């Protein structure tokens, strides 16, 4: 019987599993850093949008007005209390989506069948205030 030697390892070398684990962790941490930088960059680009800056910096939202806007434009799919129907529930949506993210979700129409909703900055501020109450 002929034993084949590993061409990479000498018989005196023993693989170090700790070193392999360290390399794997460094690769994972590197990818996580890359993803975090990309997310931060996208957020900054969105935050630089004049409409978004206007909504967030120049208008105080009124919950009652936001509720009226929601009932007219959103409740058909998201339910009158935001519990969801055709569209998903919006309960606690403001807890897991940033205001910038909500503005883009509402105005983009990139998640069919949700249409684009082009509210003026005050209406958007009102709607964001209402969404925070759900």
C-alpha atoms as a PDB file:
ATOM      1  CA  UNK A   1       0.000   0.000   0.000  1.00  0.00           C
ATOM      2  CA  UNK A   2       1.371   3.404  -1.032  1.00  0.00           C
ATOM      3  CA  UNK A   3       0.596   6.420   1.133  1.00  0.00           C
ATOM      4  CA  UNK A   4       0.254   9.670  -0.700  1.00  0.00           C
ATOM      5  CA  UNK A   5       1.650  12.719   0.979  1.00  0.00           C
ATOM      6  CA  UNK A   6      -0.187  16.004   1.011  1.00  0.00           C
ATOM      7  CA  UNK A   7       1.781  18.267  -1.346  1.00  0.00           C
ATOM      8  CA  UNK A   8       0.946  21.343   0.744  1.00  0.00           C
ATOM      9  CA  UNK A   9       1.768  20.029   4.213  1.00  0.00           C
ATOM     10  CA  UNK A  10       5.024  18.514   5.325  1.00  0.00           C
ATOM     11  CA  UNK A  11       4.715  15.597   7.719  1.00  0.00           C
ATOM     12  CA  UNK A  12       6.069  17.897  10.438  1.00  0.00           C
ATOM     13  CA  UNK A  13       3.281  20.462   9.942  1.00  0.00           C
ATOM     14  CA  UNK A  14       0.022  20.135  11.809  1.00  0.00           C
ATOM     15  CA  UNK A  15      -2.997  22.177  10.633  1.00  0.00           C
ATOM     16  CA  UNK A  16      -3.937  24.882  13.124  1.00  0.00           C
ATOM     17  CA  UNK A  17      -7.748  25.033  13.398  1.00  0.00           C
ATOM     18  CA  UNK A  18      -7.525  28.202  15.518  1.00  0.00           C
ATOM     19  CA  UNK A  19      -5.780  30.021  12.686  1.00  0.00           C
ATOM     20  CA  UNK A  20      -8.456  28.918  10.209  1.00  0.00           C
ATOM     21  CA  UNK A  21     -11.175  30.148  12.557  1.00  0.00           C
ATOM     22  CA  UNK A  22      -9.410  33.502  12.922  1.00  0.00           C
ATOM     23  CA  UNK A  23      -9.168  33.873   9.154  1.00  0.00           C
ATOM     24  CA  UNK A  24     -12.849  33.035   8.737  1.00  0.00           C
ATOM     25  CA  UNK A  25     -13.829  35.569  11.406  1.00  0.00           C
ATOM     26  CA  UNK A  26     -11.712  38.255   9.742  1.00  0.00           C
ATOM     27  CA  UNK A  27     -13.391  37.579   6.398  1.00  0.00           C
ATOM     28  CA  UNK A  28     -16.857  37.752   7.969  1.00  0.00           C
ATOM     29  CA  UNK A  29     -16.003  40.970   9.828  1.00  0.00           C
ATOM     30  CA  UNK A  30     -14.600  42.451   6.611  1.00  0.00           C
ATOM     31  CA  UNK A  31     -17.801  41.713   4.720  1.00  0.00           C
ATOM     32  CA  UNK A  32     -19.898  43.124   7.542  1.00  0.00           C
ATOM     33  CA  UNK A  33     -17.856  46.329   7.413  1.00  0.00           C
ATOM     34  CA  UNK A  34     -18.302  46.590   3.641  1.00  0.00           C
ATOM     35  CA  UNK A  35     -22.068  46.116   3.979  1.00  0.00           C
ATOM     36  CA  UNK A  36     -22.273  48.710   6.772  1.00  0.00           C
ATOM     37  CA  UNK A  37     -20.375  51.253   4.669  1.00  0.00           C
ATOM     38  CA  UNK A  38     -22.680  50.648   1.697  1.00  0.00           C
ATOM     39  CA  UNK A  39     -25.803  51.051   3.855  1.00  0.00           C
ATOM     40  CA  UNK A  40     -24.442  54.246   5.413  1.00  0.00           C
ATOM     41  CA  UNK A  41     -23.600  55.596   1.952  1.00  0.00           C
ATOM     42  CA  UNK A  42     -27.091  54.894   0.617  1.00  0.00           C
ATOM     43  CA  UNK A  43     -28.614  56.543   3.679  1.00  0.00           C
ATOM     44  CA  UNK A  44     -26.449  59.640   3.216  1.00  0.00           C
ATOM     45  CA  UNK A  45     -27.370  59.894  -0.462  1.00  0.00           C
ATOM     46  CA  UNK A  46     -31.046  59.645   0.393  1.00  0.00           C
ATOM     47  CA  UNK A  47     -30.669  62.171   3.191  1.00  0.00           C
ATOM     48  CA  UNK A  48     -29.116  64.617   0.739  1.00  0.00           C
ATOM     49  CA  UNK A  49     -32.326  64.621  -1.351  1.00  0.00           C
ATOM     50  CA  UNK A  50     -33.828  68.164  -1.127  1.00  0.00           C
ATOM     51  CA  UNK A  51     -37.377  66.784  -0.687  1.00  0.00           C
ATOM     52  CA  UNK A  52     -36.313  64.568   2.223  1.00  0.00           C
ATOM     53  CA  UNK A  53     -34.368  67.414   3.861  1.00  0.00           C
ATOM     54  CA  UNK A  54     -37.383  69.706   3.461  1.00  0.00           C
ATOM     55  CA  UNK A  55     -39.763  67.172   5.029  1.00  0.00           C
ATOM     56  CA  UNK A  56     -37.493  66.400   7.970  1.00  0.00           C
ATOM     57  CA  UNK A  57     -36.094  69.864   8.692  1.00  0.00           C
ATOM     58  CA  UNK A  58     -38.796  72.374   7.814  1.00  0.00           C
ATOM     59  CA  UNK A  59     -42.128  70.794   8.763  1.00  0.00           C
ATOM     60  CA  UNK A  60     -43.743  69.632  11.980  1.00  0.00           C
ATOM     61  CA  UNK A  61     -46.173  66.804  11.330  1.00  0.00           C
ATOM     62  CA  UNK A  62     -49.714  66.883  12.663  1.00  0.00           C
ATOM     63  CA  UNK A  63     -51.021  63.430  13.632  1.00  0.00           C
ATOM     64  CA  UNK A  64     -54.686  64.268  12.879  1.00  0.00           C
ATOM     65  CA  UNK A  65     -53.803  65.495   9.386  1.00  0.00           C
ATOM     66  CA  UNK A  66     -51.599  62.437   8.874  1.00  0.00           C
ATOM     67  CA  UNK A  67     -54.500  60.183   9.869  1.00  0.00           C
ATOM     68  CA  UNK A  68     -56.759  61.905   7.330  1.00  0.00           C
ATOM     69  CA  UNK A  69     -54.121  61.478   4.597  1.00  0.00           C
ATOM     70  CA  UNK A  70     -53.661  57.826   5.593  1.00  0.00           C
ATOM     71  CA  UNK A  71     -57.412  57.133   5.511  1.00  0.00           C
ATOM     72  CA  UNK A  72     -57.762  58.661   2.035  1.00  0.00           C
ATOM     73  CA  UNK A  73     -54.675  57.166   0.422  1.00  0.00           C
ATOM     74  CA  UNK A  74     -53.427  54.157   2.379  1.00  0.00           C
ATOM     75  CA  UNK A  75     -56.221  52.493   4.338  1.00  0.00           C
ATOM     76  CA  UNK A  76     -57.644  50.704   1.301  1.00  0.00           C
ATOM     77  CA  UNK A  77     -54.611  48.390   1.280  1.00  0.00           C
ATOM     78  CA  UNK A  78     -53.179  48.757   4.778  1.00  0.00           C
ATOM     79  CA  UNK A  79     -56.482  48.813   6.711  1.00  0.00           C
ATOM     80  CA  UNK A  80     -58.063  51.712   8.557  1.00  0.00           C
ATOM     81  CA  UNK A  81     -55.937  51.007  11.655  1.00  0.00           C
ATOM     82  CA  UNK A  82     -52.833  50.017   9.690  1.00  0.00           C
ATOM     83  CA  UNK A  83     -53.297  46.311  10.477  1.00  0.00           C
ATOM     84  CA  UNK A  84     -52.882  45.270   6.852  1.00  0.00           C
ATOM     85  CA  UNK A  85     -55.197  43.966   4.168  1.00  0.00           C
ATOM     86  CA  UNK A  86     -53.759  43.708   0.659  1.00  0.00           C
ATOM     87  CA  UNK A  87     -50.677  45.573   1.876  1.00  0.00           C
ATOM     88  CA  UNK A  88     -48.722  44.608   4.976  1.00  0.00           C
ATOM     89  CA  UNK A  89     -49.457  45.733   8.500  1.00  0.00           C
ATOM     90  CA  UNK A  90     -47.876  49.061   9.334  1.00  0.00           C
ATOM     91  CA  UNK A  91     -48.066  48.539  13.085  1.00  0.00           C
ATOM     92  CA  UNK A  92     -44.783  49.700  14.647  1.00  0.00           C
ATOM     93  CA  UNK A  93     -43.346  50.400  11.176  1.00  0.00           C
ATOM     94  CA  UNK A  94     -41.725  53.561  12.525  1.00  0.00           C
ATOM     95  CA  UNK A  95     -39.825  51.421  15.055  1.00  0.00           C
ATOM     96  CA  UNK A  96     -37.975  49.430  12.393  1.00  0.00           C
ATOM     97  CA  UNK A  97     -37.780  51.824   9.436  1.00  0.00           C
ATOM     98  CA  UNK A  98     -36.098  55.207   9.482  1.00  0.00           C
ATOM     99  CA  UNK A  99     -38.062  58.280   8.461  1.00  0.00           C
ATOM    100  CA  UNK A 100     -35.846  58.536   5.379  1.00  0.00           C
ATOM    101  CA  UNK A 101     -36.615  54.906   4.550  1.00  0.00           C
ATOM    102  CA  UNK A 102     -40.342  55.493   5.027  1.00  0.00           C
ATOM    103  CA  UNK A 103     -40.290  58.531   2.755  1.00  0.00           C
ATOM    104  CA  UNK A 104     -38.596  56.555   0.000  1.00  0.00           C
ATOM    105  CA  UNK A 105     -40.929  53.589   0.477  1.00  0.00           C
ATOM    106  CA  UNK A 106     -43.972  55.827   0.215  1.00  0.00           C
ATOM    107  CA  UNK A 107     -42.800  57.958  -2.698  1.00  0.00           C
ATOM    108  CA  UNK A 108     -40.950  55.405  -4.823  1.00  0.00           C
ATOM    109  CA  UNK A 109     -43.627  52.891  -5.777  1.00  0.00           C
ATOM    110  CA  UNK A 110     -40.828  50.304  -6.042  1.00  0.00           C
ATOM    111  CA  UNK A 111     -42.775  47.650  -4.151  1.00  0.00           C
ATOM    112  CA  UNK A 112     -45.739  46.787  -6.361  1.00  0.00           C
ATOM    113  CA  UNK A 113     -48.649  46.974  -6.069  1.00  0.00           C
ATOM    114  CA  UNK A 114     -47.995  50.064  -3.939  1.00  0.00           C
ATOM    115  CA  UNK A 115     -48.276  53.131  -6.147  1.00  0.00           C
ATOM    116  CA  UNK A 116     -46.076  56.185  -5.943  1.00  0.00           C
ATOM    117  CA  UNK A 117     -47.507  58.695  -3.508  1.00  0.00           C
ATOM    118  CA  UNK A 118     -46.331  62.226  -4.217  1.00  0.00           C
ATOM    119  CA  UNK A 119     -47.260  64.238  -1.150  1.00  0.00           C
ATOM    120  CA  UNK A 120     -46.088  67.779  -0.584  1.00  0.00           C
ATOM    121  CA  UNK A 121     -43.520  68.094   2.253  1.00  0.00           C
ATOM    122  CA  UNK A 122     -46.094  69.100   4.881  1.00  0.00           C
ATOM    123  CA  UNK A 123     -48.380  66.190   3.993  1.00  0.00           C
ATOM    124  CA  UNK A 124     -45.436  63.790   4.197  1.00  0.00           C
ATOM    125  CA  UNK A 125     -44.461  65.186   7.611  1.00  0.00           C
ATOM    126  CA  UNK A 126     -48.072  64.705   8.746  1.00  0.00           C
ATOM    127  CA  UNK A 127     -48.138  61.137   7.426  1.00  0.00           C
ATOM    128  CA  UNK A 128     -44.836  60.293   9.150  1.00  0.00           C
ATOM    129  CA  UNK A 129     -46.213  61.648  12.420  1.00  0.00           C
ATOM    130  CA  UNK A 130     -49.276  59.458  12.077  1.00  0.00           C
ATOM    131  CA  UNK A 131     -47.228  56.362  11.227  1.00  0.00           C
ATOM    132  CA  UNK A 132     -45.327  56.833  14.483  1.00  0.00           C
ATOM    133  CA  UNK A 133     -48.590  56.338  16.384  1.00  0.00           C
ATOM    134  CA  UNK A 134     -49.384  52.964  14.848  1.00  0.00           C
END
